[in-house]
Amino acid sequence: MKIQNTIEAKLNEAFDASILQVENESHKHSVPPNSETHFKVTMVSPAFAGQMKVKRHQGIYKVLAEELEMAGGVHALALHLYSPEEWEASGQVAPASPNCMGGSKAEPPQSASGVQNQSGGHS
């Protein structure tokens, strides 16, 4: 089973979500084609009512512990977790994911100025 499908199944079972969107955003990052390493999860569940964000995230991490710990598994997980009331108040839209700011390990490091130094890196 693909990691994305596993994430969807585990979260549906654990949280009785009224809305669950799991998006594989790996293609936006410096990973091999068809990777399943970067995900965005948008979920609405009554289980989140009255819970602070940290508790919500801890619950997700517990359910997805295997996927987060396995070699080659999930590297990044953007979580947008709402109670039904919060979802209504949000306009029913999760924030867009930012573009990847990282680079390939094969690329020389860059400085804030973007100027390459004489050793092949940036200063």
Protein backbone atom coordinates (compact mmCIF):
# COMPACT_ATOMS: atom_id res chain seq x y z
CA MET A 1 0.00 0.00 0.00
CA LYS A 2 1.27 3.47 -0.82
CA ILE A 3 2.22 5.71 2.09
CA GLN A 4 -0.45 8.26 1.14
CA ASN A 5 -3.17 5.57 1.24
CA THR A 6 -1.89 4.33 4.60
CA ILE A 7 -1.96 7.86 6.03
CA GLU A 8 -5.54 8.36 4.81
CA ALA A 9 -6.73 5.03 6.22
CA LYS A 10 -5.09 5.48 9.62
CA LEU A 11 -6.31 9.05 10.08
CA ASN A 12 -9.87 8.20 8.98
CA GLU A 13 -10.01 5.34 11.45
CA ALA A 14 -8.48 7.25 14.37
CA PHE A 15 -10.27 10.59 14.04
CA ASP A 16 -13.64 10.00 12.36
CA ALA A 17 -12.89 12.93 10.06
CA SER A 18 -15.70 14.70 8.27
CA ILE A 19 -13.09 16.12 5.87
CA LEU A 20 -9.71 14.56 5.17
CA GLN A 21 -7.39 15.65 2.40
CA VAL A 22 -3.92 14.13 2.17
CA GLU A 23 -1.81 15.73 -0.53
CA ASN A 24 1.55 14.35 -1.62
CA GLU A 25 3.70 17.46 -2.06
CA SER A 26 6.95 15.57 -2.60
CA HIS A 27 7.17 16.77 -6.21
CA LYS A 28 7.73 20.31 -4.87
CA HIS A 29 10.93 19.23 -3.16
CA SER A 30 14.37 17.95 -4.07
CA VAL A 31 13.51 14.24 -3.97
CA PRO A 32 13.44 11.48 -6.62
CA PRO A 33 10.36 11.23 -8.86
CA ASN A 34 7.35 9.40 -7.37
CA SER A 35 8.59 9.93 -3.82
CA GLU A 36 6.20 9.91 -0.88
CA THR A 37 8.11 11.99 1.64
CA HIS A 38 6.30 15.34 1.97
CA PHE A 39 2.59 15.53 2.78
CA LYS A 40 -0.01 18.15 3.57
CA VAL A 41 -2.92 16.97 5.71
CA THR A 42 -6.11 18.98 6.05
CA MET A 43 -8.56 17.38 8.45
CA VAL A 44 -11.78 18.38 10.15
CA SER A 45 -12.84 16.28 13.11
CA PRO A 46 -15.02 16.77 16.19
CA ALA A 47 -12.14 15.13 18.10
CA PHE A 48 -10.23 18.43 17.81
CA ALA A 49 -12.88 20.53 19.58
CA GLY A 50 -11.36 22.11 22.67
CA GLN A 51 -7.84 20.81 21.92
CA MET A 52 -4.83 23.04 21.51
CA LYS A 53 -2.76 22.66 18.33
CA VAL A 54 0.05 20.85 20.13
CA LYS A 55 -2.32 18.13 21.38
CA ARG A 56 -3.80 17.73 17.91
CA HIS A 57 -0.36 17.34 16.35
CA GLN A 58 0.73 14.88 19.03
CA GLY A 59 -2.32 12.76 18.23
CA ILE A 60 -1.44 12.69 14.54
CA TYR A 61 2.21 11.84 15.26
CA LYS A 62 1.11 8.95 17.48
CA VAL A 63 -1.17 7.49 14.81
CA LEU A 64 1.47 7.90 12.08
CA ALA A 65 4.51 6.93 14.19
CA GLU A 66 5.46 4.04 11.90
CA GLU A 67 5.36 6.17 8.73
CA LEU A 68 7.36 8.95 10.40
CA GLU A 69 10.04 6.63 11.81
CA MET A 70 10.66 4.25 8.90
CA ALA A 71 13.66 4.80 6.66
CA GLY A 72 12.56 6.45 3.44
CA GLY A 73 9.21 7.31 5.00
CA VAL A 74 7.56 10.63 5.69
CA HIS A 75 10.10 13.44 5.98
CA ALA A 76 7.70 16.39 6.30
CA LEU A 77 4.09 16.62 7.39
CA ALA A 78 2.19 19.91 7.16
CA LEU A 79 -0.85 19.65 9.42
CA HIS A 80 -3.96 21.82 9.13
CA LEU A 81 -6.33 20.44 11.77
CA TYR A 82 -9.73 21.93 12.55
CA SER A 83 -12.80 21.31 14.66
CA PRO A 84 -16.00 21.66 12.59
CA GLU A 85 -16.59 25.14 14.06
CA GLU A 86 -13.05 26.27 13.24
CA TRP A 87 -13.39 24.95 9.70
CA GLU A 88 -16.57 26.98 9.19
CA ALA A 89 -14.87 30.11 10.57
CA SER A 90 -11.83 29.57 8.32
CA GLY A 91 -13.89 29.92 5.17
CA GLN A 92 -13.32 26.19 4.60
CA VAL A 93 -9.91 26.70 3.05
CA ALA A 94 -6.57 25.47 4.35
CA PRO A 95 -3.50 27.67 3.80
CA ALA A 96 -1.49 27.06 0.64
CA SER A 97 1.88 25.40 1.12
CA PRO A 98 4.93 27.59 0.56
CA ASN A 99 7.44 26.76 -2.13
CA CYS A 100 10.38 24.63 -1.05
CA MET A 101 13.22 26.84 0.16
CA GLY A 102 15.71 23.99 0.41
CA GLY A 103 17.93 22.69 -2.31
CA SER A 104 19.65 19.59 -3.44
CA LYS A 105 22.58 18.40 -1.39
CA ALA A 106 24.53 18.46 -4.66
CA GLU A 107 24.12 22.24 -4.92
CA PRO A 108 26.71 24.48 -3.24
CA PRO A 109 25.45 26.34 -0.15
CA GLN A 110 24.07 29.82 -0.73
CA SER A 111 24.45 32.92 1.36
CA ALA A 112 21.69 35.39 2.05
CA SER A 113 23.15 37.62 -0.68
CA GLY A 114 23.20 34.80 -3.21
CA VAL A 115 26.81 35.62 -4.18
CA GLN A 116 29.04 32.62 -4.82
CA ASN A 117 32.35 32.68 -2.96
CA GLN A 118 35.66 31.67 -4.53
CA SER A 119 35.64 28.20 -2.99
CA GLY A 120 32.61 27.32 -5.06
CA GLY A 121 30.06 28.20 -2.40
CA HIS A 122 28.28 31.47 -1.71
CA SER A 123 29.31 34.13 0.77
